[in-house]
Amino acid sequence: MNKNTIADKIHRNISKQTVRIMRTTLFFLLCSLMFSQAATSYSQVFDFNLRSTTIREVCKEIERKSDYIFVFSDNSEKMINRKIDLKAKKENVADLLESVLSNTGLAYKILDKQSAFQGIR
């Protein structure tokens, strides 16, 4: 006599399907956690109180204090040697560069830890 009834087969199929759904959900959860960790940002803050310094010197100081690298285009050379006064307290790189470049007409892009000056806007 067959001990397996139709109800037992349905119960086993539902159990297998539930386990499969749980595995898939766990896989996607772990993948999303790994990818969220890979997208870390560099929120390093800087304090500066510099007088009569150039934009190039400010960039060298940021390079010295962090892992950022600055790359300048050829048409930005004249503007980055311009003298400025800089007073910043606990500012990140993007805010710092906005304040430094506000009246110069220069633009920049931050690519990972590399900043590139693009010349006149």
Protein backbone atom coordinates (compact mmCIF):
# COMPACT_ATOMS: atom_id res chain seq x y z
CA MET A 1 0.00 0.00 0.00
CA ASN A 2 1.26 3.50 -0.88
CA LYS A 3 1.85 5.55 2.27
CA ASN A 4 2.41 8.81 0.35
CA THR A 5 -0.83 10.59 -0.16
CA ILE A 6 -1.50 13.53 -2.43
CA ALA A 7 -1.53 15.84 0.61
CA ASP A 8 1.99 14.70 1.55
CA LYS A 9 3.28 15.39 -1.97
CA ILE A 10 1.72 18.87 -1.98
CA HIS A 11 3.23 19.57 1.45
CA ARG A 12 6.71 18.49 0.24
CA ASN A 13 6.42 20.66 -2.90
CA ILE A 14 5.39 23.69 -0.84
CA SER A 15 8.29 23.08 1.56
CA LYS A 16 10.80 22.85 -1.31
CA GLN A 17 9.40 25.99 -2.88
CA THR A 18 9.60 27.87 0.44
CA VAL A 19 13.23 26.82 0.95
CA ARG A 20 14.07 27.90 -2.62
CA ILE A 21 12.48 31.33 -2.05
CA MET A 22 14.35 31.74 1.24
CA ARG A 23 17.70 30.88 -0.42
CA THR A 24 17.07 33.33 -3.25
CA THR A 25 16.09 36.08 -0.82
CA LEU A 26 19.18 35.46 1.31
CA PHE A 27 21.41 35.53 -1.78
CA PHE A 28 20.04 38.89 -2.95
CA LEU A 29 20.25 40.30 0.57
CA LEU A 30 23.93 39.38 0.87
CA CYS A 31 24.68 40.74 -2.61
CA SER A 32 23.03 44.05 -1.79
CA LEU A 33 25.03 44.32 1.44
CA MET A 34 28.30 43.72 -0.40
CA PHE A 35 27.54 46.31 -3.06
CA SER A 36 26.46 48.90 -0.53
CA GLN A 37 29.82 48.55 1.21
CA ALA A 38 31.69 48.97 -2.08
CA ALA A 39 30.22 52.43 -2.60
CA THR A 40 31.92 54.14 0.30
CA SER A 41 32.57 57.84 0.03
CA TYR A 42 35.57 59.76 1.21
CA SER A 43 34.15 62.27 3.62
CA GLN A 44 37.41 63.57 4.99
CA VAL A 45 37.25 67.09 6.42
CA PHE A 46 39.96 69.75 6.35
CA ASP A 47 40.89 72.82 8.37
CA PHE A 48 42.81 75.62 6.65
CA ASN A 49 43.83 79.12 7.61
CA LEU A 50 46.09 80.25 4.76
CA ARG A 51 46.94 83.76 3.63
CA SER A 52 48.32 84.82 0.26
CA THR A 53 48.66 81.30 -1.08
CA THR A 54 47.97 79.91 -4.54
CA ILE A 55 45.31 77.43 -5.57
CA ARG A 56 48.10 75.05 -6.54
CA GLU A 57 49.53 75.22 -3.00
CA VAL A 58 46.09 74.53 -1.52
CA CYS A 59 45.80 71.47 -3.75
CA LYS A 60 49.26 70.27 -2.73
CA GLU A 61 48.29 70.68 0.92
CA ILE A 62 45.11 68.61 0.37
CA GLU A 63 47.20 65.96 -1.41
CA ARG A 64 49.61 65.91 1.53
CA LYS A 65 46.82 65.48 4.10
CA SER A 66 44.77 62.93 2.15
CA ASP A 67 44.80 60.41 -0.68
CA TYR A 68 43.42 62.87 -3.24
CA ILE A 69 45.37 63.61 -6.43
CA PHE A 70 44.88 66.80 -8.45
CA VAL A 71 45.28 66.97 -12.22
CA PHE A 72 45.26 70.33 -14.01
CA SER A 73 44.47 71.00 -17.64
CA ASP A 74 46.80 73.19 -19.68
CA ASN A 75 44.43 76.15 -19.87
CA SER A 76 44.06 76.30 -16.07
CA GLU A 77 47.75 76.96 -15.35
CA LYS A 78 47.39 80.76 -15.19
CA MET A 79 44.44 80.68 -12.80
CA ILE A 80 45.85 78.13 -10.34
CA ASN A 81 48.84 80.39 -9.64
CA ARG A 82 46.48 83.15 -8.50
CA LYS A 83 46.90 84.27 -4.86
CA ILE A 84 43.99 83.64 -2.48
CA ASP A 85 43.20 83.69 1.23
CA LEU A 86 41.56 80.56 2.56
CA LYS A 87 39.86 80.05 5.89
CA ALA A 88 38.03 76.73 6.25
CA LYS A 89 36.98 74.74 9.26
CA LYS A 90 35.81 71.12 8.94
CA GLU A 91 34.96 71.31 5.24
CA ASN A 92 34.98 68.38 2.86
CA VAL A 93 36.87 68.50 -0.43
CA ALA A 94 33.88 69.45 -2.60
CA ASP A 95 32.91 72.42 -0.40
CA LEU A 96 36.53 73.48 -0.09
CA LEU A 97 37.06 73.47 -3.86
CA GLU A 98 33.80 75.36 -4.41
CA SER A 99 34.97 78.16 -2.10
CA VAL A 100 38.48 78.24 -3.61
CA LEU A 101 37.27 78.27 -7.22
CA SER A 102 34.22 80.51 -6.77
CA ASN A 103 35.67 83.60 -8.53
CA THR A 104 38.19 81.96 -10.85
CA GLY A 105 36.02 80.56 -13.62
CA LEU A 106 37.61 77.13 -13.14
CA ALA A 107 35.56 73.94 -12.90
CA TYR A 108 36.49 70.61 -11.36
CA LYS A 109 35.39 66.99 -11.31
CA ILE A 110 35.98 64.50 -8.53
CA LEU A 111 36.52 60.98 -9.83
CA ASP A 112 36.92 58.62 -6.89
CA LYS A 113 39.91 60.24 -5.14
CA GLN A 114 41.16 62.16 -8.15
CA SER A 115 40.18 65.78 -8.81
CA ALA A 116 40.55 67.19 -12.28
CA PHE A 117 40.45 70.91 -13.05
CA GLN A 118 38.89 71.57 -16.42
CA GLY A 119 39.82 75.15 -17.08
CA ILE A 120 37.46 78.01 -17.79
CA ARG A 121 33.77 77.26 -17.29
